[in-house]
Protein backbone atom coordinates (compact mmCIF):
# COMPACT_ATOMS: atom_id res chain seq x y z
CA ALA A 1 106.37 86.37 84.54
CA ALA A 2 103.31 86.94 85.69
CA LEU A 3 104.42 85.26 89.85
CA SER A 4 101.27 84.04 92.21
CA ASP A 5 100.16 84.72 95.49
CA ALA A 6 102.06 83.20 97.91
CA PRO A 7 102.22 82.34 101.68
CA GLY A 8 104.94 83.66 103.81
CA GLY A 9 108.39 82.61 103.62
CA ALA A 10 109.59 81.71 100.20
CA LYS A 11 112.07 84.48 98.75
CA VAL A 12 111.11 85.13 94.76
CA CYS A 13 113.40 86.15 92.05
CA ALA A 14 110.52 88.54 89.88
CA GLY A 15 112.90 89.33 87.12
CA GLU A 16 115.56 92.41 86.46
CA LEU A 17 113.99 95.83 85.43
CA GLN A 18 116.05 98.17 83.52
CA THR A 19 117.11 101.17 84.99
CA TYR A 20 118.75 104.35 83.47
CA GLY A 21 121.75 107.00 84.97
CA SER A 22 124.94 106.94 85.95
CA ASP A 23 123.75 103.31 88.00
CA GLY A 24 122.63 102.37 84.54
CA GLY A 25 121.89 98.41 83.96
CA PHE A 26 119.51 96.01 85.11
CA MET A 27 118.79 95.09 89.23
CA GLN A 28 117.02 92.08 90.84
CA MET A 29 113.05 92.54 91.99
CA ILE A 30 113.47 90.65 95.30
CA ALA A 31 109.98 89.56 96.34
CA ALA A 32 109.12 90.42 100.11
CA ALA A 33 108.00 86.60 101.11
CA GLU A 34 106.25 88.82 103.95
CA ASN A 35 104.44 92.02 104.25
CA ILE A 36 103.78 91.28 108.02
CA PRO A 37 105.16 88.22 110.83
CA GLY A 38 102.93 85.59 109.11
CA SER A 39 101.12 86.86 106.44
CA SER A 40 100.28 86.30 103.26
CA VAL A 41 101.51 88.12 100.48
CA ARG A 42 101.76 89.20 96.40
CA HIS A 43 104.41 89.07 94.06
CA PRO A 44 105.28 92.09 91.42
CA GLU A 45 106.27 91.56 87.74
CA VAL A 46 108.44 92.43 85.20
CA ARG A 47 107.28 93.26 81.87
CA PHE A 48 108.09 93.63 78.40
CA GLY A 49 111.26 93.17 78.55
CA GLY A 50 112.29 94.52 82.51
CA GLN A 51 111.03 98.12 81.11
CA VAL A 52 107.92 97.97 83.81
CA LEU A 53 107.76 97.01 86.60
CA GLU A 54 104.11 96.17 88.13
CA PRO A 55 104.25 95.85 92.09
CA LYS A 56 100.80 93.84 92.95
CA LEU A 57 98.74 94.53 96.13
CA GLY A 58 100.03 92.90 98.86
CA SER A 59 103.69 93.29 97.69
CA ARG A 60 106.53 94.64 98.38
CA THR A 61 109.91 94.63 96.78
CA TYR A 62 113.39 95.06 97.21
CA PHE A 63 115.98 96.60 94.32
CA GLY A 64 118.94 94.00 94.50
CA THR A 65 122.08 93.55 92.49
CA GLU A 66 121.63 89.53 92.43
CA CYS A 67 118.38 86.75 93.45
CA ASP A 68 119.63 83.47 93.90
CA PRO A 69 116.56 81.34 94.16
CA GLY A 70 118.04 79.02 96.21
CA ARG A 71 118.92 80.36 98.69
CA SER A 72 117.29 82.75 101.89
CA PHE A 73 117.67 86.21 101.78
CA ARG A 74 120.76 88.06 101.97
CA ARG A 75 121.91 91.40 102.46
CA GLU A 76 124.40 91.41 100.39
CA GLU A 77 122.10 91.63 97.46
CA TYR A 78 120.55 93.82 98.21
CA GLY A 79 121.49 97.12 96.46
CA SER A 80 122.74 100.08 97.89
CA LEU A 81 122.97 103.06 96.09
CA LYS A 82 124.91 106.14 97.53
CA LEU A 83 122.75 109.35 96.88
CA LEU A 84 124.61 112.37 98.18
CA GLY A 85 124.33 115.09 95.07
CA LYS A 86 122.30 112.88 93.74
CA ARG A 87 118.59 112.47 92.17
CA VAL A 88 116.18 109.50 91.59
CA SER A 89 114.07 109.47 88.90
CA TYR A 90 110.81 107.47 87.87
CA ARG A 91 107.96 107.46 86.14
CA VAL A 92 104.78 106.50 87.83
CA ASN A 93 101.38 104.96 86.67
CA MET A 94 98.64 105.05 89.68
CA ALA A 95 95.22 105.65 87.48
CA GLU A 96 93.63 102.73 89.14
CA VAL A 97 94.74 103.50 93.33
CA GLY A 98 91.79 105.62 95.20
CA CYS A 99 91.36 105.93 98.58
CA GLY A 100 92.31 103.65 101.18
CA CYS A 101 95.24 102.09 99.18
CA ALA A 102 99.13 103.24 99.17
CA THR A 103 101.41 102.60 96.40
CA ALA A 104 105.46 103.42 98.49
CA VAL A 105 108.60 104.38 96.48
CA HIS A 106 110.89 104.31 99.72
CA LEU A 107 114.99 104.05 100.34
CA HIS A 108 116.11 101.90 103.42
CA PRO A 109 118.99 100.67 104.32
CA MET A 110 118.51 97.45 104.75
CA ARG A 111 122.58 96.15 103.15
CA GLU A 112 123.60 97.92 106.39
CA ASN A 113 120.76 96.17 108.74
CA SER A 114 122.65 92.75 110.74
CA ASP A 115 119.23 91.75 112.01
CA PRO A 116 117.24 89.49 109.69
CA GLY A 117 113.83 90.45 111.24
CA LYS A 118 110.67 88.19 111.51
CA CYS A 119 109.49 88.78 107.89
CA SER A 120 111.40 85.25 106.87
CA GLY A 121 114.31 86.82 107.65
CA ASP A 122 114.59 89.51 105.36
CA HIS A 123 116.44 92.09 106.76
CA PHE A 124 113.69 94.80 106.09
CA CYS A 125 113.80 97.67 108.34
CA ASP A 126 111.65 100.96 108.70
CA ALA A 127 110.90 103.78 110.81
CA ILE A 128 107.85 101.86 112.64
CA GLY A 129 109.40 98.39 112.96
CA VAL A 130 106.65 96.30 110.73
CA CYS A 131 109.16 93.74 110.96
CA GLY A 132 110.60 93.86 114.58
CA THR A 133 113.39 95.55 113.35
CA ARG A 134 113.75 99.73 113.07
CA CYS A 135 115.63 101.91 110.53
CA ALA A 136 116.35 105.04 109.01
CA GLU A 137 113.51 105.58 106.10
CA ILE A 138 112.97 108.35 103.63
CA ASP A 139 109.74 108.25 101.99
CA ILE A 140 110.14 109.28 98.13
CA GLN A 141 106.51 108.37 97.76
CA GLN A 142 103.35 107.33 99.97
CA ALA A 143 100.41 108.09 97.37
CA ASN A 144 97.45 107.54 95.63
CA ARG A 145 95.86 109.29 92.67
CA HIS A 146 94.49 111.97 95.42
CA VAL A 147 97.48 112.16 97.98
CA TRP A 148 101.18 112.61 97.79
CA PHE A 149 103.67 111.80 101.71
CA THR A 150 107.16 112.71 101.56
CA ALA A 151 108.89 112.05 104.67
CA LEU A 152 112.12 111.38 106.54
CA HIS A 153 112.28 109.86 109.21
CA THR A 154 116.02 109.12 110.87
CA PHE A 155 117.18 106.47 114.00
CA THR A 156 120.04 106.52 116.14
CA GLU A 157 120.26 103.72 118.60
CA GLU A 158 120.79 105.89 121.49
CA ASP A 159 117.24 107.95 120.75
CA GLY A 160 115.65 105.51 118.71
CA PRO A 161 113.19 105.99 115.54
CA ASP A 162 111.17 109.43 114.71
CA VAL A 163 107.97 107.68 113.52
CA ARG A 164 105.94 110.90 112.85
CA GLY A 165 108.81 112.36 110.55
CA VAL A 166 108.88 115.77 108.51
CA HIS A 167 106.94 115.84 105.17
CA ARG A 168 105.65 117.72 103.00
CA GLY A 169 102.78 117.57 99.67
CA LEU A 170 99.06 117.16 99.95
CA GLY A 171 96.48 115.63 102.13
CA GLY A 172 96.99 114.24 105.62
CA THR A 173 95.04 115.58 108.95
CA GLY A 174 96.13 117.06 112.57
CA ALA A 175 99.51 117.07 112.85
CA ASP A 176 100.08 114.94 109.70
CA LYS A 177 98.19 117.62 107.27
CA ARG A 178 99.98 118.35 104.49
CA ARG A 179 98.84 121.41 101.71
CA ASP A 180 101.96 121.88 100.52
CA TRP A 181 99.62 121.80 97.39
CA SER A 182 95.98 122.03 96.60
CA ALA A 183 93.44 118.77 95.27
CA GLU A 184 92.95 121.44 92.09
CA ASP A 185 96.96 121.36 91.30
CA TYR A 186 97.56 117.22 91.87
CA GLY A 187 94.69 114.30 91.19
CA PRO A 188 92.07 112.90 88.72
CA HIS A 189 92.02 116.23 86.11
CA GLY A 190 94.57 117.82 87.98
CA ARG A 191 96.14 121.36 86.82
CA CYS A 192 99.74 120.31 87.06
CA VAL A 193 99.45 116.55 87.28
CA ASP A 194 96.53 114.41 86.68
CA THR A 195 96.79 111.68 88.14
CA ARG A 196 94.40 109.42 85.77
CA SER A 197 97.94 109.53 83.51
CA SER A 198 101.86 108.69 84.56
CA PHE A 199 104.05 111.69 85.76
CA LEU A 200 107.87 111.58 86.60
CA VAL A 201 108.41 112.40 89.92
CA GLU A 202 112.28 113.06 90.61
CA ALA A 203 114.12 112.77 94.58
CA SER A 204 117.72 114.78 94.53
CA PHE A 205 119.70 115.31 97.86
CA PRO A 206 122.34 118.50 96.91
CA THR A 207 125.09 118.73 99.21
CA ASP A 208 127.11 122.17 100.09
CA PRO A 209 130.37 122.60 99.13
CA SER A 210 131.99 120.62 101.48
CA GLY A 211 129.60 117.42 100.92
CA ARG A 212 126.97 118.37 103.92
CA LEU A 213 123.27 117.65 103.27
CA LEU A 214 121.31 120.31 102.53
CA ALA A 215 117.66 119.41 101.34
CA LEU A 216 115.48 116.58 100.16
CA GLU A 217 113.84 117.70 96.62
CA VAL A 218 110.91 115.94 94.90
CA GLY A 219 109.31 117.46 92.30
CA LEU A 220 106.63 116.51 89.99
CA SER A 221 105.89 116.27 86.81
CA GLN A 222 103.47 115.76 83.31
CA SER A 223 104.36 116.03 80.20
CA GLY A 224 102.18 119.06 78.50
CA LYS A 225 100.94 120.50 81.48
CA PRO A 226 101.70 123.94 82.58
CA CYS A 227 103.09 123.64 85.85
CA ASN A 228 105.66 121.28 88.10
CA LEU A 229 104.83 120.17 91.76
CA THR A 230 107.83 120.76 93.95
CA ALA A 231 108.55 120.18 98.06
CA ARG A 232 111.58 121.11 100.00
CA ILE A 233 112.91 119.77 103.48
CA ASP A 234 115.54 121.52 104.91
CA ARG A 235 114.96 121.48 107.77
CA TYR A 236 114.36 118.53 110.42
CA GLU A 237 115.53 119.24 113.86
CA LEU A 238 114.17 117.14 116.74
CA PRO A 239 114.40 116.61 120.54
CA ALA A 240 117.12 114.31 121.31
CA LYS A 241 116.52 112.18 124.84
CA GLY A 242 117.71 113.74 128.58
CA ALA A 243 119.52 117.45 128.34
CA GLY A 244 120.96 116.86 124.90
CA LEU A 245 121.13 120.11 122.54
CA ASN A 246 117.89 118.83 119.87
CA ARG A 247 119.37 116.53 117.11
CA ASN A 248 119.88 117.41 113.34
CA GLY A 249 118.14 114.79 111.17
CA LEU A 250 119.73 115.54 108.17
CA ALA A 251 123.14 115.08 109.04
CA GLU A 252 121.67 112.19 110.78
CA LEU A 253 120.37 110.90 107.07
CA GLU A 254 123.21 112.35 105.64
CA ASP A 255 125.26 109.27 107.11
CA VAL A 256 122.75 106.69 105.60
CA LEU A 257 123.05 107.99 102.14
CA ARG A 258 126.44 107.99 101.92
CA THR A 259 127.03 104.53 103.67
CA GLY A 260 124.07 103.86 100.29
CA VAL A 261 119.91 102.55 100.86
CA THR A 262 117.99 100.03 99.12
CA PRO A 263 115.12 101.50 96.99
CA VAL A 264 111.71 99.93 98.19
CA VAL A 265 108.42 99.87 96.48
CA SER A 266 105.17 98.75 98.55
CA TYR A 267 101.61 98.59 97.65
CA TRP A 268 98.78 98.42 100.59
CA GLN A 269 95.36 98.72 101.48
CA SER A 270 94.24 99.65 105.09
CA ASN A 271 91.58 101.63 106.91
CA HIS A 272 93.81 103.44 108.54
CA LEU A 273 95.50 105.84 106.75
CA LEU A 274 94.45 108.73 108.63
CA TRP A 275 97.90 110.77 108.36
CA LEU A 276 97.91 109.73 104.65
CA GLU A 277 94.63 110.46 103.48
CA GLY A 278 92.62 112.35 105.87
CA SER A 279 88.92 112.17 107.09
CA ALA A 280 86.87 111.89 103.53
CA ASN A 281 84.29 113.53 105.91
CA SER A 282 86.17 116.79 106.98
CA SER A 283 85.42 120.45 105.33
CA ASP A 284 88.84 120.15 103.48
CA ALA A 285 88.66 116.55 102.76
CA VAL A 286 91.16 116.35 99.61
CA CYS A 287 90.42 111.95 99.14
CA PRO A 288 86.65 111.26 99.10
CA ARG A 289 86.10 107.97 99.34
CA GLY A 290 85.44 106.37 95.68
CA PRO A 291 86.57 103.57 93.78
CA GLY A 292 88.81 100.97 95.46
CA CYS A 293 92.36 99.57 95.44
CA GLY A 294 93.24 98.57 91.05
CA ASP A 295 95.56 94.90 91.54
CA THR A 296 99.15 96.99 90.26
CA PHE A 297 100.06 100.58 89.51
CA VAL A 298 103.10 100.82 87.23
CA ILE A 299 107.01 101.61 87.46
CA THR A 300 109.07 102.71 84.38
CA ASP A 301 112.29 104.17 83.82
CA PHE A 302 113.92 104.11 87.05
CA SER A 303 117.20 106.30 87.50
CA VAL A 304 119.62 107.66 89.22
CA GLU A 305 122.17 110.78 88.44
CA SER A 306 124.42 112.94 89.77
CA LEU A 307 123.30 116.18 90.33
CA GLY A 308 124.31 119.03 87.99
CA GLY A 309 125.51 116.13 85.28
CA SER A 310 123.71 115.56 81.75
CA ARG A 311 120.73 113.26 81.94
CA SER A 312 120.26 110.36 80.08
CA SER A 313 118.75 109.95 77.11
CA ALA A 314 118.07 106.13 77.97
CA ARG A 315 114.22 106.42 78.10
CA VAL A 316 112.20 104.30 75.46
CA VAL A 317 109.69 106.19 75.87
CA ASP A 318 108.87 110.15 75.07
CA ASP A 319 107.92 112.11 77.09
CA ALA A 320 105.28 113.43 75.02
CA ALA A 321 103.75 110.01 75.04
CA PRO A 322 104.18 108.61 78.86
CA LEU A 323 102.95 105.33 80.31
CA GLN A 324 99.16 104.49 80.59
CA MET A 325 97.55 102.31 82.24
CA LEU A 326 94.01 103.61 82.24
CA GLY A 327 90.76 101.80 83.44
CA GLN A 328 90.07 98.28 85.03
CA PRO A 329 92.55 96.50 87.52
CA GLY A 330 93.86 93.62 84.72
CA MET A 331 92.32 95.16 82.10
CA PHE A 332 95.40 94.85 80.14
CA SER A 333 96.18 92.50 81.66
CA ASP A 334 96.04 88.69 79.70
CA VAL A 335 96.04 90.32 76.30
CA GLY A 336 99.68 89.19 75.16
CA GLN A 337 103.38 90.13 76.50
CA SER A 338 106.01 91.67 74.93
CA VAL A 339 109.40 89.61 75.54
CA GLU A 340 111.43 92.56 73.77
CA PRO A 341 111.93 95.90 75.15
CA PRO A 342 110.82 98.83 71.75
CA VAL A 343 114.61 100.26 70.40
CA ALA A 344 114.88 103.33 68.59
CA ASP A 345 116.91 103.81 66.06
CA LYS A 346 119.40 106.84 64.34
CA ASP A 347 115.65 108.26 62.65
CA GLY A 348 114.30 108.89 65.71
CA LEU A 349 111.75 105.86 64.92
CA MET A 350 110.80 102.69 67.10
CA HIS A 351 111.15 99.11 66.31
CA PHE A 352 109.05 96.79 68.21
CA GLN A 353 108.44 93.55 67.43
CA GLY A 354 109.17 94.10 63.88
CA ILE A 355 106.81 96.84 63.35
CA GLU A 356 107.53 100.98 63.06
CA TRP A 357 106.43 103.37 65.70
CA ALA A 358 107.17 107.43 65.00
CA VAL A 359 107.93 107.92 69.45
CA SER A 360 107.53 111.67 68.87
CA GLY A 361 104.22 112.64 70.19
CA CYS A 362 102.30 110.66 70.24
CA PRO A 363 103.40 107.00 69.67
CA MET A 364 101.83 105.52 65.90
CA PRO A 365 102.73 102.75 63.85
CA ASP A 366 103.66 102.86 60.10
CA PRO A 367 100.29 101.00 59.68
CA PRO A 368 100.49 97.19 57.94
CA THR A 369 98.97 96.04 55.25
CA THR A 370 96.58 93.58 56.84
CA PHE A 371 95.93 93.30 60.59
CA ASP A 372 93.51 91.73 62.68
CA ILE A 373 91.51 93.11 65.23
CA ARG A 374 89.92 90.03 67.86
CA LYS A 375 88.11 89.87 71.17
CA ARG A 376 87.55 87.27 73.20
CA ALA A 377 84.01 86.49 74.15
CA TRP A 378 82.71 87.57 77.63
CA THR A 379 85.01 90.01 78.47
CA LEU A 380 84.17 91.97 80.97
CA TYR A 381 85.93 95.19 79.83
CA ASP A 382 85.72 94.30 76.36
CA ARG A 383 89.39 93.67 75.77
CA TYR A 384 90.79 93.72 71.85
CA GLU A 385 93.54 93.33 70.76
CA ALA A 386 95.68 94.60 67.35
CA LEU A 387 97.71 91.97 65.89
CA ALA A 388 100.10 92.01 62.22
CA ASN A 389 101.35 89.13 61.12
CA ARG A 390 100.74 87.66 64.73
CA ARG A 391 102.62 90.03 66.52
CA GLU A 392 100.65 92.78 68.87
CA MET A 393 100.13 96.42 67.77
CA ALA A 394 97.86 97.72 69.51
CA LYS A 395 95.47 96.49 72.66
CA ALA A 396 92.01 98.34 73.77
CA ALA A 397 89.94 98.27 76.76
CA ARG A 398 86.77 99.69 77.79
CA ASN A 399 86.79 102.15 80.86
CA ILE A 400 83.92 101.66 82.63
CA TRP A 401 84.65 104.78 84.82
CA ALA A 402 83.51 107.04 82.28
CA PHE A 403 80.77 108.84 82.46
CA ARG A 404 80.30 107.81 78.50
CA ASN A 405 81.00 105.20 76.23
CA GLU A 406 84.86 105.22 76.24
CA MET A 407 87.54 102.76 74.89
CA VAL A 408 90.93 103.63 75.61
CA ALA A 409 93.99 102.07 73.61
CA VAL A 410 97.69 101.91 74.20
CA THR A 411 100.67 100.24 72.72
CA PRO A 412 102.26 96.84 73.34
CA TRP A 413 104.59 98.35 76.06
CA GLY A 414 101.72 100.20 77.56
CA SER A 415 102.00 103.79 76.62
CA LEU A 416 98.70 105.30 75.51
CA TRP A 417 98.15 105.34 72.20
CA GLY A 418 94.09 106.81 72.03
CA THR A 419 90.62 107.27 73.36
CA ALA A 420 87.76 106.77 71.53
CA ARG A 421 84.56 108.36 73.58
CA ARG A 422 80.47 108.53 72.53
CA ASN A 423 78.24 109.61 74.76
CA MET A 424 75.21 107.44 75.43
CA PHE A 425 72.14 108.22 72.38
CA SER A 426 74.87 110.25 70.72
CA ASN A 427 75.57 109.51 67.03
CA GLN A 428 79.13 111.13 67.21
CA LEU A 429 82.11 109.17 68.10
CA GLU A 430 85.17 110.87 68.87
CA PHE A 431 88.40 110.14 68.44
CA PHE A 432 91.92 111.54 70.73
CA ASP A 433 95.41 110.88 70.52
CA CYS A 434 97.21 110.08 73.55
CA ASN A 435 97.39 113.82 74.31
CA ASP A 436 93.57 113.85 75.01
CA HIS A 437 93.35 116.92 71.80
CA LEU A 438 90.46 115.57 69.13
CA VAL A 439 91.50 113.70 66.09
CA ALA A 440 88.51 113.18 63.71
CA THR A 441 84.59 111.91 64.40
CA PHE A 442 82.96 109.51 63.02
CA ARG A 443 79.04 110.16 62.63
CA ALA A 444 76.11 107.65 62.27
CA ASN A 445 73.05 105.84 63.26
CA PHE A 446 74.20 103.29 65.80
CA SER A 447 73.01 99.85 66.48
CA TRP A 448 71.99 98.92 70.12
CA PHE A 449 73.28 95.13 69.36
CA GLY A 450 76.82 95.99 68.11
CA ILE A 451 76.56 95.76 64.60
CA PRO A 452 78.49 97.31 62.08
CA VAL A 453 77.43 100.18 60.57
CA GLY A 454 77.46 103.47 57.99
CA GLY A 455 78.64 106.13 58.27
CA SER A 456 80.98 109.11 58.01
CA PHE A 457 84.43 110.40 59.49
CA HIS A 458 84.83 114.19 59.60
CA HIS A 459 88.40 115.78 60.92
CA SER A 460 88.54 117.92 64.12
CA THR A 461 87.91 121.02 62.11
CA GLY A 462 84.42 119.48 60.86
CA ASP A 463 85.96 118.85 57.33
CA LEU A 464 84.58 115.59 55.76
CA ILE A 465 87.11 112.59 55.21
CA GLY A 466 85.69 109.86 54.44
CA HIS A 467 82.61 107.50 54.20
CA THR A 468 81.79 103.56 55.75
CA HIS A 469 79.62 101.20 53.75
CA VAL A 470 78.57 98.10 55.38
CA ASP A 471 77.92 95.27 53.60
CA THR A 472 75.82 92.27 55.64
CA SER A 473 74.90 89.79 52.88
CA GLY A 474 77.10 87.31 53.05
CA GLY A 475 76.87 86.49 57.01
CA TYR A 476 79.32 88.78 57.96
CA ALA A 477 79.47 92.51 57.93
CA VAL A 478 82.01 93.71 55.25
CA ILE A 479 82.63 97.06 55.72
CA ARG A 480 84.35 99.60 52.79
CA VAL A 481 85.55 103.04 53.62
CA GLN A 482 86.63 105.44 50.99
CA SER A 483 87.39 109.04 50.44
CA SER A 484 85.22 111.96 50.05
CA ALA A 485 86.42 111.52 46.49
CA GLY A 486 85.53 108.20 46.42
CA ASP A 487 88.75 106.40 46.04
CA ALA A 488 89.08 103.22 48.42
CA GLN A 489 91.42 103.76 51.84
CA ALA A 490 90.38 100.18 53.66
CA ARG A 491 88.01 97.75 53.66
CA MET A 492 87.29 95.29 57.00
CA VAL A 493 86.03 92.20 57.58
CA HIS A 494 83.91 91.66 60.99
CA LEU A 495 82.95 87.85 61.74
CA ARG A 496 81.30 87.34 65.31
CA ARG A 497 81.50 83.96 66.62
CA TRP A 498 80.56 82.31 69.90
CA LEU A 499 84.14 82.70 70.68
CA GLY A 500 84.60 86.05 70.17
CA GLU A 501 85.01 88.55 67.06
CA THR A 502 87.68 89.20 64.63
CA GLU A 503 87.89 91.73 62.44
CA THR A 504 90.47 91.85 59.55
CA VAL A 505 91.68 95.25 58.14
CA VAL A 506 93.24 95.21 54.54
CA THR A 507 94.22 99.25 54.08
CA MET A 508 95.34 101.19 50.77
CA LEU A 509 96.46 104.37 52.53
CA PRO A 510 100.43 105.21 52.42
CA PRO A 511 101.70 105.36 55.89
CA GLU A 512 102.23 108.19 56.74
CA THR A 513 98.44 109.43 55.66
CA GLY A 514 97.60 106.24 57.70
CA ARG A 515 99.51 107.95 60.72
CA ARG A 516 98.15 110.94 60.75
CA LEU A 517 94.58 109.75 60.39
CA GLY A 518 95.35 107.44 63.36
């Protein structure tokens, strides 16, 4: 459910998130009441039947095993994952998170922290003590769409926290400079990870035969890309106070991982992110200033698995159809929401709200005989929704960051369906699938006023598919779609009112043909 912004002080149970792997099930998302003492805070949303976590800008979320909204914060409610010899993985989409913003997925021994701290007594602790309490911290991810930071920070009562820690990734400046990857590898249009789309994050904690922690290994991967990005921290020495020997940070964190840690997800904005981004004015800057922080980012498919074991097959969204939330903050947020997750059957088809989808390749439904496309009046991003039997089948919104007219369509649970693009003054509207492969082109003399026009459809090869014919004599537009042989394929009735637009589509195509043509 959507949760409103709130001043500090109130504990909020945001909902249950589906998790997978050896520790799979549902975990409670517990919203922090304050990010720093006395601050206001926002709350996350858990959407689509517990499949999607959407942390809001200015929120911090704790993974718990239970959450009682009628009681104050209790550390016994927090999850305590024992991660030695295990792998944590999840999918993340930060398409709207630019420079000056930071998302984080980190691990803290919150259940072991007896000090309630100064943030409404929620027992949050970290290396820098933002709530007045310090402890060890493992940062799987501190990142935006241009930079990435993975770090270890140990802590002992005698020596205190290692605030700087040891880190890997891309970004930073001075002693915090990281160039394990390049901006050509990671970022918008990245060769290995294109941060305009979702990607898989894996953090592993391998051990030797005696159970000693060997390293933190992080990997980023994305379907269809020719390379993966990896980083490894296998050496962590730091001086001890006094004349003692150097400390072994990995050995100290080994005890923390053995006892158990709580996953925490955060999203914030700051003018003091040189440690993460570096200077935008430096010769090797990787985080150019540009569009700022979107309202949210997205996490799905959170999993914990033993290393060497078989990977979980419980994912409901196929790798080839990664979660997408392209465009503007909130561009899809008010277009409807599912209350039940998609379910895959034995034949590999996904059933969602009574509509059957293919899960291999791009997620595309068997087109129903009749469906409606609706647009509300005066929507800032030209948001549309497709409804079949009053159930949401897809939604689309104009991407105003594109250098051309572009509409992005996604499934009800957030996976990219396809994209339509037209260059300024061009007479060609191009349709792309979820892997950005050209599917078809519509050629017409487009109207400046959004009036439907007749034209011709062509395969990506250029071969003619069919024609559209428009009749506006009745005070509304009737668009008839015919094949190149003259056979009727679909009829659309377009009605424009002050309160919005509606287009009813009646198809005459067999399901397999409709799915193939999109």
